[in-house]
Amino acid sequence: MIAKFKDQITCTEIPATGPCNYLAKGIYKGERIYFIDIICVACNTIPPQEGYNCDGQKIAIENFNQNVTDVEAVSPKRKN
């Protein structure tokens, strides 16, 4: 999935100092999905509206904040 989204990933490390996009994964309706999320403390952004399952199928995400669990960054690396 990192290769699929490589042109959209702008973060190199988390925490980031400014707005940036990163690849994340989570569980949606019992299925692992991957999506681009954003880090921006000052931005008013909406949650991701779509993601992709492990087979590469696009999945429309309904009510992200209530239906996507176990969200974690796939890229970039977390600073220690």
C-alpha atoms as a PDB file:
ATOM      1  CA  MET A   1       0.000   0.000   0.000  1.00  0.00           C
ATOM      2  CA  ILE A   2       2.916   2.359   0.594  1.00  0.00           C
ATOM      3  CA  ALA A   3       3.830   2.013  -3.087  1.00  0.00           C
ATOM      4  CA  LYS A   4       0.205   2.625  -4.145  1.00  0.00           C
ATOM      5  CA  PHE A   5      -0.015   5.868  -2.154  1.00  0.00           C
ATOM      6  CA  LYS A   6       3.611   7.034  -2.428  1.00  0.00           C
ATOM      7  CA  ASP A   7       2.713  10.159  -4.434  1.00  0.00           C
ATOM      8  CA  GLN A   8       0.256  11.287  -1.732  1.00  0.00           C
ATOM      9  CA  ILE A   9       2.471  10.724   1.336  1.00  0.00           C
ATOM     10  CA  THR A  10       4.139  13.954   2.449  1.00  0.00           C
ATOM     11  CA  CYS A  11       5.185  13.135   6.049  1.00  0.00           C
ATOM     12  CA  THR A  12       8.602  11.756   6.809  1.00  0.00           C
ATOM     13  CA  GLU A  13       8.144  11.442  10.586  1.00  0.00           C
ATOM     14  CA  ILE A  14       5.412  11.665  13.207  1.00  0.00           C
ATOM     15  CA  PRO A  15       4.970  13.944  15.074  1.00  0.00           C
ATOM     16  CA  ALA A  16       5.151  16.362  12.191  1.00  0.00           C
ATOM     17  CA  THR A  17       5.828  20.065  12.496  1.00  0.00           C
ATOM     18  CA  GLY A  18       3.310  21.113   9.857  1.00  0.00           C
ATOM     19  CA  PRO A  19       0.439  19.781   7.784  1.00  0.00           C
ATOM     20  CA  CYS A  20       1.244  16.515   6.071  1.00  0.00           C
ATOM     21  CA  ASN A  21      -0.397  13.395   4.678  1.00  0.00           C
ATOM     22  CA  TYR A  22       0.445   9.882   5.772  1.00  0.00           C
ATOM     23  CA  LEU A  23      -0.727   6.349   5.067  1.00  0.00           C
ATOM     24  CA  ALA A  24      -2.835   4.851   7.847  1.00  0.00           C
ATOM     25  CA  LYS A  25      -4.716   1.628   8.387  1.00  0.00           C
ATOM     26  CA  GLY A  26      -7.712   0.665  10.445  1.00  0.00           C
ATOM     27  CA  ILE A  27     -10.609  -1.752  10.713  1.00  0.00           C
ATOM     28  CA  TYR A  28     -13.859  -0.808   8.940  1.00  0.00           C
ATOM     29  CA  LYS A  29     -16.834  -3.164   9.162  1.00  0.00           C
ATOM     30  CA  GLY A  30     -14.517  -6.016  10.151  1.00  0.00           C
ATOM     31  CA  GLU A  31     -12.104  -5.449   7.255  1.00  0.00           C
ATOM     32  CA  ARG A  32      -8.589  -3.971   7.230  1.00  0.00           C
ATOM     33  CA  ILE A  33      -8.499  -0.802   5.117  1.00  0.00           C
ATOM     34  CA  TYR A  34      -5.760   1.656   4.172  1.00  0.00           C
ATOM     35  CA  PHE A  35      -6.303   5.379   3.651  1.00  0.00           C
ATOM     36  CA  ILE A  36      -4.513   8.709   3.502  1.00  0.00           C
ATOM     37  CA  ASP A  37      -4.941  10.763   6.669  1.00  0.00           C
ATOM     38  CA  ILE A  38      -3.651  14.224   7.545  1.00  0.00           C
ATOM     39  CA  ILE A  39      -1.747  15.664  10.475  1.00  0.00           C
ATOM     40  CA  CYS A  40      -2.559  19.314  10.999  1.00  0.00           C
ATOM     41  CA  VAL A  41      -3.278  20.851  14.376  1.00  0.00           C
ATOM     42  CA  ALA A  42      -4.607  24.101  12.910  1.00  0.00           C
ATOM     43  CA  CYS A  43      -6.497  22.663   9.917  1.00  0.00           C
ATOM     44  CA  ASN A  44     -10.224  22.051   9.864  1.00  0.00           C
ATOM     45  CA  THR A  45     -10.256  18.750   7.964  1.00  0.00           C
ATOM     46  CA  ILE A  46     -12.846  16.056   7.462  1.00  0.00           C
ATOM     47  CA  PRO A  47     -12.030  12.397   8.101  1.00  0.00           C
ATOM     48  CA  PRO A  48     -11.096  10.211   5.121  1.00  0.00           C
ATOM     49  CA  GLN A  49     -14.078   9.409   2.903  1.00  0.00           C
ATOM     50  CA  GLU A  50     -12.541   6.380   1.196  1.00  0.00           C
ATOM     51  CA  GLY A  51      -9.904   3.736   1.617  1.00  0.00           C
ATOM     52  CA  TYR A  52      -8.721   0.508   0.024  1.00  0.00           C
ATOM     53  CA  ASN A  53      -8.873  -3.056   1.274  1.00  0.00           C
ATOM     54  CA  CYS A  54      -5.993  -5.519   0.947  1.00  0.00           C
ATOM     55  CA  ASP A  55      -7.285  -6.585  -2.491  1.00  0.00           C
ATOM     56  CA  GLY A  56      -6.991  -2.992  -3.744  1.00  0.00           C
ATOM     57  CA  GLN A  57     -10.762  -2.418  -3.909  1.00  0.00           C
ATOM     58  CA  LYS A  58     -11.911   1.123  -3.115  1.00  0.00           C
ATOM     59  CA  ILE A  59     -14.132   1.264  -0.029  1.00  0.00           C
ATOM     60  CA  ALA A  60     -16.445   4.221   0.700  1.00  0.00           C
ATOM     61  CA  ILE A  61     -16.147   5.024   4.406  1.00  0.00           C
ATOM     62  CA  GLU A  62     -19.364   5.982   6.163  1.00  0.00           C
ATOM     63  CA  ASN A  63     -19.087   7.835   9.483  1.00  0.00           C
ATOM     64  CA  PHE A  64     -15.331   7.388   9.893  1.00  0.00           C
ATOM     65  CA  ASN A  65     -15.155   8.502  13.531  1.00  0.00           C
ATOM     66  CA  GLN A  66     -17.643   5.873  14.684  1.00  0.00           C
ATOM     67  CA  ASN A  67     -16.937   3.033  12.239  1.00  0.00           C
ATOM     68  CA  VAL A  68     -13.144   2.908  11.838  1.00  0.00           C
ATOM     69  CA  THR A  69     -11.230   1.413  14.758  1.00  0.00           C
ATOM     70  CA  ASP A  70      -7.637   0.442  15.520  1.00  0.00           C
ATOM     71  CA  VAL A  71      -6.284   3.319  13.410  1.00  0.00           C
ATOM     72  CA  GLU A  72      -2.502   3.491  13.198  1.00  0.00           C
ATOM     73  CA  ALA A  73       0.116   5.005  10.930  1.00  0.00           C
ATOM     74  CA  VAL A  74       1.744   2.766   8.331  1.00  0.00           C
ATOM     75  CA  SER A  75       4.091   5.491   7.164  1.00  0.00           C
ATOM     76  CA  PRO A  76       6.044   7.462   8.176  1.00  0.00           C
ATOM     77  CA  LYS A  77       8.168   6.351  11.080  1.00  0.00           C
ATOM     78  CA  ARG A  78       7.318   7.620  14.560  1.00  0.00           C
ATOM     79  CA  LYS A  79       9.994   9.790  16.217  1.00  0.00           C
ATOM     80  CA  ASN A  80      11.218   8.600  19.603  1.00  0.00           C
END
